């Protein structure tokens, strides 16, 4: 059973909620996917069952084609947000961490081609491995955080939140205008370039600034 943890692996007294995600929030990723920059935030959700701990082995489906890494800054919400201002959004953040938006790329491509929603590719059980969360008060600027992913000791993704097309607070405010964010919800803020397939036996290391450094393995099931 998933439980939010802090960066010391101690429980956070917030319920596990939904995961609200944004696509195409880094221009370099938009370009690598040969997509277009959306006029409004491209929002989708993952259910609570998608959540698992990044510290533990990452289990990917072994029979549904390629499963791609998408490393993202994750934001843990502690207060309800609805039609929020950016200041209200700031005060509603418990902390930040890093997460993987695991994506069944071949499934997603098929769904996109048919004009169907992406849930089968993005919202499966275990599709959101997430780190512990570092309290927001430990960061001076959420828009100047470096993060990276290495796979088998080779850097695959490297980004800085300064490159977001929709910054964290503006994104939270925009999301809250569409639907309520509740205590225990997690917001994923988009991925930079470097997405690619994960395979059984891979060793991955995810880092956020100088505060999170996690190494785990990939298991195909």
C-alpha atoms as a PDB file:
ATOM      1  CA  UNK A   1       0.000   0.000   0.000  1.00  0.00           C
ATOM      2  CA  UNK A   2       1.468   3.341  -1.059  1.00  0.00           C
ATOM      3  CA  UNK A   3       2.012   6.033   1.599  1.00  0.00           C
ATOM      4  CA  UNK A   4       3.526   9.461   0.980  1.00  0.00           C
ATOM      5  CA  UNK A   5       7.020   9.654   2.501  1.00  0.00           C
ATOM      6  CA  UNK A   6       9.393  12.513   3.196  1.00  0.00           C
ATOM      7  CA  UNK A   7      13.014  12.513   2.090  1.00  0.00           C
ATOM      8  CA  UNK A   8      13.945  10.650   5.298  1.00  0.00           C
ATOM      9  CA  UNK A   9      11.510   7.858   4.358  1.00  0.00           C
ATOM     10  CA  UNK A  10       9.150   8.837   7.187  1.00  0.00           C
ATOM     11  CA  UNK A  11       5.377   8.880   6.583  1.00  0.00           C
ATOM     12  CA  UNK A  12       3.638  12.138   5.697  1.00  0.00           C
ATOM     13  CA  UNK A  13       0.186  12.450   7.254  1.00  0.00           C
ATOM     14  CA  UNK A  14      -1.659  13.001   4.005  1.00  0.00           C
ATOM     15  CA  UNK A  15      -3.828  10.456   2.182  1.00  0.00           C
ATOM     16  CA  UNK A  16      -2.717   9.080  -1.164  1.00  0.00           C
ATOM     17  CA  UNK A  17      -4.784  10.796  -3.847  1.00  0.00           C
ATOM     18  CA  UNK A  18      -4.912  11.178  -7.584  1.00  0.00           C
ATOM     19  CA  UNK A  19      -1.975  12.178  -9.784  1.00  0.00           C
ATOM     20  CA  UNK A  20      -2.590  15.126 -12.095  1.00  0.00           C
ATOM     21  CA  UNK A  21      -0.139  15.389 -14.987  1.00  0.00           C
ATOM     22  CA  UNK A  22       0.723  17.829 -17.738  1.00  0.00           C
ATOM     23  CA  UNK A  23       2.113  16.884 -21.124  1.00  0.00           C
ATOM     24  CA  UNK A  24       4.408  18.909 -23.376  1.00  0.00           C
ATOM     25  CA  UNK A  25       5.658  21.359 -20.730  1.00  0.00           C
ATOM     26  CA  UNK A  26       9.293  21.340 -21.916  1.00  0.00           C
ATOM     27  CA  UNK A  27       9.999  22.521 -25.448  1.00  0.00           C
ATOM     28  CA  UNK A  28      12.869  20.085 -26.023  1.00  0.00           C
ATOM     29  CA  UNK A  29      10.540  17.153 -25.287  1.00  0.00           C
ATOM     30  CA  UNK A  30       7.863  18.577 -27.596  1.00  0.00           C
ATOM     31  CA  UNK A  31      10.487  18.726 -30.332  1.00  0.00           C
ATOM     32  CA  UNK A  32      11.829  15.202 -29.769  1.00  0.00           C
ATOM     33  CA  UNK A  33       8.291  13.821 -29.965  1.00  0.00           C
ATOM     34  CA  UNK A  34       7.597  15.877 -33.122  1.00  0.00           C
ATOM     35  CA  UNK A  35       4.534  17.327 -31.442  1.00  0.00           C
ATOM     36  CA  UNK A  36       3.039  20.807 -31.328  1.00  0.00           C
ATOM     37  CA  UNK A  37       3.089  23.236 -28.406  1.00  0.00           C
ATOM     38  CA  UNK A  38      -0.456  23.171 -26.975  1.00  0.00           C
ATOM     39  CA  UNK A  39      -2.438  26.390 -26.587  1.00  0.00           C
ATOM     40  CA  UNK A  40      -3.576  25.304 -23.136  1.00  0.00           C
ATOM     41  CA  UNK A  41      -2.142  22.864 -20.630  1.00  0.00           C
ATOM     42  CA  UNK A  42      -2.459  19.262 -21.825  1.00  0.00           C
ATOM     43  CA  UNK A  43      -3.820  17.636 -18.656  1.00  0.00           C
ATOM     44  CA  UNK A  44      -4.451  14.007 -17.778  1.00  0.00           C
ATOM     45  CA  UNK A  45      -4.659  11.928 -14.600  1.00  0.00           C
ATOM     46  CA  UNK A  46      -3.383   8.742 -13.046  1.00  0.00           C
ATOM     47  CA  UNK A  47      -5.352   6.976 -10.292  1.00  0.00           C
ATOM     48  CA  UNK A  48      -4.121   6.232  -6.786  1.00  0.00           C
ATOM     49  CA  UNK A  49      -3.283   2.681  -7.874  1.00  0.00           C
ATOM     50  CA  UNK A  50      -0.594   4.116 -10.174  1.00  0.00           C
ATOM     51  CA  UNK A  51       1.456   5.257  -7.173  1.00  0.00           C
ATOM     52  CA  UNK A  52       4.426   3.254  -5.915  1.00  0.00           C
ATOM     53  CA  UNK A  53       7.754   4.059  -4.300  1.00  0.00           C
ATOM     54  CA  UNK A  54      10.674   4.964  -6.546  1.00  0.00           C
ATOM     55  CA  UNK A  55      13.015   3.474  -3.934  1.00  0.00           C
ATOM     56  CA  UNK A  56      11.675   0.004  -4.706  1.00  0.00           C
ATOM     57  CA  UNK A  57      12.223  -2.022  -7.900  1.00  0.00           C
ATOM     58  CA  UNK A  58      10.180  -0.581 -10.755  1.00  0.00           C
ATOM     59  CA  UNK A  59       7.831  -3.146 -12.253  1.00  0.00           C
ATOM     60  CA  UNK A  60       6.927  -2.613 -15.904  1.00  0.00           C
ATOM     61  CA  UNK A  61       4.522  -4.654 -18.066  1.00  0.00           C
ATOM     62  CA  UNK A  62       6.443  -7.209 -20.059  1.00  0.00           C
ATOM     63  CA  UNK A  63       3.834  -7.882 -22.724  1.00  0.00           C
ATOM     64  CA  UNK A  64       2.660  -4.459 -23.930  1.00  0.00           C
ATOM     65  CA  UNK A  65       5.580  -3.144 -25.938  1.00  0.00           C
ATOM     66  CA  UNK A  66       8.068  -0.487 -24.918  1.00  0.00           C
ATOM     67  CA  UNK A  67       7.682   1.210 -21.538  1.00  0.00           C
ATOM     68  CA  UNK A  68       9.365   4.623 -21.562  1.00  0.00           C
ATOM     69  CA  UNK A  69      10.826   6.702 -18.760  1.00  0.00           C
ATOM     70  CA  UNK A  70       9.567  10.267 -18.311  1.00  0.00           C
ATOM     71  CA  UNK A  71      11.264  11.891 -15.303  1.00  0.00           C
ATOM     72  CA  UNK A  72       9.358  14.795 -13.754  1.00  0.00           C
ATOM     73  CA  UNK A  73       9.312  17.147 -10.794  1.00  0.00           C
ATOM     74  CA  UNK A  74       6.501  16.007  -8.492  1.00  0.00           C
ATOM     75  CA  UNK A  75       4.545  18.379  -6.241  1.00  0.00           C
ATOM     76  CA  UNK A  76       2.634  17.150  -3.175  1.00  0.00           C
ATOM     77  CA  UNK A  77      -0.504  19.130  -2.313  1.00  0.00           C
ATOM     78  CA  UNK A  78      -1.466  19.725   1.343  1.00  0.00           C
ATOM     79  CA  UNK A  79      -4.471  22.089   1.038  1.00  0.00           C
ATOM     80  CA  UNK A  80      -7.542  22.122  -1.219  1.00  0.00           C
ATOM     81  CA  UNK A  81      -7.160  24.233  -4.357  1.00  0.00           C
ATOM     82  CA  UNK A  82     -10.013  25.462  -6.521  1.00  0.00           C
ATOM     83  CA  UNK A  83      -9.741  28.501  -8.819  1.00  0.00           C
ATOM     84  CA  UNK A  84      -6.540  29.315  -6.943  1.00  0.00           C
ATOM     85  CA  UNK A  85      -4.170  32.230  -7.334  1.00  0.00           C
ATOM     86  CA  UNK A  86      -0.452  31.536  -7.659  1.00  0.00           C
ATOM     87  CA  UNK A  87       0.080  32.649  -4.041  1.00  0.00           C
ATOM     88  CA  UNK A  88      -2.617  30.249  -2.870  1.00  0.00           C
ATOM     89  CA  UNK A  89      -0.973  27.517  -4.933  1.00  0.00           C
ATOM     90  CA  UNK A  90       2.374  28.204  -3.261  1.00  0.00           C
ATOM     91  CA  UNK A  91       0.850  27.919   0.206  1.00  0.00           C
ATOM     92  CA  UNK A  92      -0.809  24.614  -0.740  1.00  0.00           C
ATOM     93  CA  UNK A  93       2.460  22.823  -1.582  1.00  0.00           C
ATOM     94  CA  UNK A  94       3.729  20.409   1.081  1.00  0.00           C
ATOM     95  CA  UNK A  95       6.899  19.642  -0.815  1.00  0.00           C
ATOM     96  CA  UNK A  96       8.499  18.415  -4.004  1.00  0.00           C
ATOM     97  CA  UNK A  97      10.151  15.238  -5.196  1.00  0.00           C
ATOM     98  CA  UNK A  98      10.746  13.389  -8.436  1.00  0.00           C
ATOM     99  CA  UNK A  99       8.629  10.797 -10.181  1.00  0.00           C
ATOM    100  CA  UNK A 100       8.488   8.699 -13.315  1.00  0.00           C
ATOM    101  CA  UNK A 101       5.504   9.013 -15.617  1.00  0.00           C
ATOM    102  CA  UNK A 102       5.883   5.521 -17.049  1.00  0.00           C
ATOM    103  CA  UNK A 103       4.399   5.360 -20.518  1.00  0.00           C
ATOM    104  CA  UNK A 104       3.567   2.400 -22.744  1.00  0.00           C
ATOM    105  CA  UNK A 105       4.719   4.172 -25.882  1.00  0.00           C
ATOM    106  CA  UNK A 106       3.449   1.747 -28.499  1.00  0.00           C
ATOM    107  CA  UNK A 107       0.064   1.610 -26.785  1.00  0.00           C
ATOM    108  CA  UNK A 108      -0.021   5.407 -26.600  1.00  0.00           C
ATOM    109  CA  UNK A 109       0.842   5.751 -30.285  1.00  0.00           C
ATOM    110  CA  UNK A 110      -1.977   3.387 -31.220  1.00  0.00           C
ATOM    111  CA  UNK A 111      -4.455   5.235 -29.010  1.00  0.00           C
ATOM    112  CA  UNK A 112      -3.411   8.634 -30.354  1.00  0.00           C
ATOM    113  CA  UNK A 113      -3.785   7.407 -33.904  1.00  0.00           C
ATOM    114  CA  UNK A 114      -7.336   6.296 -33.162  1.00  0.00           C
ATOM    115  CA  UNK A 115      -8.196   9.546 -31.390  1.00  0.00           C
ATOM    116  CA  UNK A 116      -8.690   7.720 -28.089  1.00  0.00           C
ATOM    117  CA  UNK A 117      -7.693   8.738 -24.519  1.00  0.00           C
ATOM    118  CA  UNK A 118      -4.287   7.685 -23.190  1.00  0.00           C
ATOM    119  CA  UNK A 119      -5.232   5.996 -19.903  1.00  0.00           C
ATOM    120  CA  UNK A 120      -4.285   2.499 -21.071  1.00  0.00           C
ATOM    121  CA  UNK A 121      -0.770   3.811 -21.771  1.00  0.00           C
ATOM    122  CA  UNK A 122      -0.341   6.153 -18.815  1.00  0.00           C
ATOM    123  CA  UNK A 123      -2.586   5.111 -15.914  1.00  0.00           C
ATOM    124  CA  UNK A 124      -1.846   1.432 -15.340  1.00  0.00           C
ATOM    125  CA  UNK A 125      -1.039   0.124 -11.846  1.00  0.00           C
ATOM    126  CA  UNK A 126       2.467   1.152 -10.785  1.00  0.00           C
ATOM    127  CA  UNK A 127       2.846   3.712 -13.576  1.00  0.00           C
ATOM    128  CA  UNK A 128       3.925   6.489 -11.195  1.00  0.00           C
ATOM    129  CA  UNK A 129       6.973   5.586  -9.072  1.00  0.00           C
ATOM    130  CA  UNK A 130       7.615   8.584  -6.824  1.00  0.00           C
ATOM    131  CA  UNK A 131      10.389   9.576  -4.422  1.00  0.00           C
ATOM    132  CA  UNK A 132      10.043  10.944  -0.926  1.00  0.00           C
ATOM    133  CA  UNK A 133       9.120  14.619  -0.734  1.00  0.00           C
ATOM    134  CA  UNK A 134      11.340  17.451   0.468  1.00  0.00           C
ATOM    135  CA  UNK A 135       9.488  20.274   2.288  1.00  0.00           C
ATOM    136  CA  UNK A 136       8.850  23.275   0.052  1.00  0.00           C
ATOM    137  CA  UNK A 137      10.416  25.600   2.617  1.00  0.00           C
ATOM    138  CA  UNK A 138      13.825  24.070   1.866  1.00  0.00           C
ATOM    139  CA  UNK A 139      13.788  25.543  -1.647  1.00  0.00           C
ATOM    140  CA  UNK A 140      14.331  29.191  -2.483  1.00  0.00           C
ATOM    141  CA  UNK A 141      13.137  28.871  -6.075  1.00  0.00           C
ATOM    142  CA  UNK A 142      11.059  26.054  -7.532  1.00  0.00           C
ATOM    143  CA  UNK A 143      11.965  27.294 -11.019  1.00  0.00           C
ATOM    144  CA  UNK A 144      15.672  26.606 -10.690  1.00  0.00           C
ATOM    145  CA  UNK A 145      15.895  22.924  -9.793  1.00  0.00           C
ATOM    146  CA  UNK A 146      18.085  20.504 -11.718  1.00  0.00           C
ATOM    147  CA  UNK A 147      17.038  16.884 -12.092  1.00  0.00           C
ATOM    148  CA  UNK A 148      18.379  13.911 -14.005  1.00  0.00           C
ATOM    149  CA  UNK A 149      17.935  10.238 -14.793  1.00  0.00           C
ATOM    150  CA  UNK A 150      20.717   7.798 -15.564  1.00  0.00           C
ATOM    151  CA  UNK A 151      20.089   4.345 -16.999  1.00  0.00           C
ATOM    152  CA  UNK A 152      22.902   1.832 -16.583  1.00  0.00           C
ATOM    153  CA  UNK A 153      25.256   4.687 -15.608  1.00  0.00           C
ATOM    154  CA  UNK A 154      24.532   6.715 -18.757  1.00  0.00           C
ATOM    155  CA  UNK A 155      22.660  10.020 -18.489  1.00  0.00           C
ATOM    156  CA  UNK A 156      19.357   9.710 -20.316  1.00  0.00           C
ATOM    157  CA  UNK A 157      17.412  12.743 -19.079  1.00  0.00           C
ATOM    158  CA  UNK A 158      18.685  16.013 -17.671  1.00  0.00           C
ATOM    159  CA  UNK A 159      16.599  19.113 -17.095  1.00  0.00           C
ATOM    160  CA  UNK A 160      16.026  22.253 -15.077  1.00  0.00           C
ATOM    161  CA  UNK A 161      12.633  23.506 -13.992  1.00  0.00           C
ATOM    162  CA  UNK A 162      13.601  26.921 -15.388  1.00  0.00           C
ATOM    163  CA  UNK A 163      12.801  25.479 -18.824  1.00  0.00           C
ATOM    164  CA  UNK A 164       9.140  24.784 -18.036  1.00  0.00           C
ATOM    165  CA  UNK A 165       6.785  26.537 -20.428  1.00  0.00           C
ATOM    166  CA  UNK A 166       4.189  26.659 -17.636  1.00  0.00           C
ATOM    167  CA  UNK A 167       5.922  27.260 -14.274  1.00  0.00           C
ATOM    168  CA  UNK A 168       4.824  25.284 -11.231  1.00  0.00           C
ATOM    169  CA  UNK A 169       2.584  27.902  -9.606  1.00  0.00           C
ATOM    170  CA  UNK A 170       0.934  28.957 -12.862  1.00  0.00           C
ATOM    171  CA  UNK A 171       0.358  25.293 -13.679  1.00  0.00           C
ATOM    172  CA  UNK A 172      -1.284  24.590 -10.306  1.00  0.00           C
ATOM    173  CA  UNK A 173      -3.516  27.630 -10.700  1.00  0.00           C
ATOM    174  CA  UNK A 174      -4.540  26.542 -14.208  1.00  0.00           C
ATOM    175  CA  UNK A 175      -5.239  22.987 -13.062  1.00  0.00           C
ATOM    176  CA  UNK A 176      -7.346  24.219 -10.145  1.00  0.00           C
ATOM    177  CA  UNK A 177      -9.534  26.185 -12.542  1.00  0.00           C
ATOM    178  CA  UNK A 178     -10.491  22.908 -14.249  1.00  0.00           C
ATOM    179  CA  UNK A 179     -10.927  20.610 -11.247  1.00  0.00           C
ATOM    180  CA  UNK A 180     -10.213  20.597  -7.523  1.00  0.00           C
ATOM    181  CA  UNK A 181      -6.839  19.570  -6.180  1.00  0.00           C
ATOM    182  CA  UNK A 182      -7.152  17.870  -2.790  1.00  0.00           C
ATOM    183  CA  UNK A 183      -4.744  17.205   0.097  1.00  0.00           C
ATOM    184  CA  UNK A 184      -2.619  14.203  -0.835  1.00  0.00           C
ATOM    185  CA  UNK A 185      -2.837  14.754  -4.585  1.00  0.00           C
ATOM    186  CA  UNK A 186       0.405  14.800  -6.570  1.00  0.00           C
ATOM    187  CA  UNK A 187       1.032  17.017  -9.579  1.00  0.00           C
ATOM    188  CA  UNK A 188       3.565  15.948 -12.215  1.00  0.00           C
ATOM    189  CA  UNK A 189       4.956  18.958 -14.045  1.00  0.00           C
ATOM    190  CA  UNK A 190       6.235  17.590 -17.350  1.00  0.00           C
ATOM    191  CA  UNK A 191       9.351  15.893 -18.662  1.00  0.00           C
ATOM    192  CA  UNK A 192      12.384  17.159 -20.601  1.00  0.00           C
ATOM    193  CA  UNK A 193      13.869  15.385 -23.614  1.00  0.00           C
ATOM    194  CA  UNK A 194      15.491  11.989 -23.328  1.00  0.00           C
ATOM    195  CA  UNK A 195      12.529   9.657 -22.981  1.00  0.00           C
ATOM    196  CA  UNK A 196      13.280   6.102 -23.981  1.00  0.00           C
ATOM    197  CA  UNK A 197      12.550   2.432 -23.311  1.00  0.00           C
ATOM    198  CA  UNK A 198      13.318   0.708 -20.034  1.00  0.00           C
ATOM    199  CA  UNK A 199      14.210  -2.981 -19.955  1.00  0.00           C
ATOM    200  CA  UNK A 200      14.287  -5.777 -17.417  1.00  0.00           C
ATOM    201  CA  UNK A 201      17.513  -5.586 -15.415  1.00  0.00           C
ATOM    202  CA  UNK A 202      18.193  -1.888 -16.031  1.00  0.00           C
ATOM    203  CA  UNK A 203      19.680   0.079 -13.150  1.00  0.00           C
ATOM    204  CA  UNK A 204      18.379   3.623 -12.910  1.00  0.00           C
ATOM    205  CA  UNK A 205      19.371   6.586 -10.743  1.00  0.00           C
ATOM    206  CA  UNK A 206      17.079   9.580 -10.297  1.00  0.00           C
ATOM    207  CA  UNK A 207      18.364  12.832  -8.817  1.00  0.00           C
ATOM    208  CA  UNK A 208      16.819  16.142  -7.801  1.00  0.00           C
ATOM    209  CA  UNK A 209      19.252  18.968  -7.084  1.00  0.00           C
ATOM    210  CA  UNK A 210      21.361  17.967  -4.071  1.00  0.00           C
ATOM    211  CA  UNK A 211      18.446  16.619  -2.029  1.00  0.00           C
ATOM    212  CA  UNK A 212      17.329  13.379  -3.711  1.00  0.00           C
ATOM    213  CA  UNK A 213      19.564  10.633  -5.105  1.00  0.00           C
ATOM    214  CA  UNK A 214      17.882   7.249  -5.582  1.00  0.00           C
ATOM    215  CA  UNK A 215      19.061   4.119  -7.362  1.00  0.00           C
ATOM    216  CA  UNK A 216      16.757   1.236  -8.193  1.00  0.00           C
ATOM    217  CA  UNK A 217      16.239  -1.515 -10.750  1.00  0.00           C
ATOM    218  CA  UNK A 218      13.695  -2.382 -13.420  1.00  0.00           C
ATOM    219  CA  UNK A 219      11.747  -5.638 -13.422  1.00  0.00           C
ATOM    220  CA  UNK A 220       9.517  -6.774 -16.287  1.00  0.00           C
ATOM    221  CA  UNK A 221       6.462  -8.725 -15.187  1.00  0.00           C
END
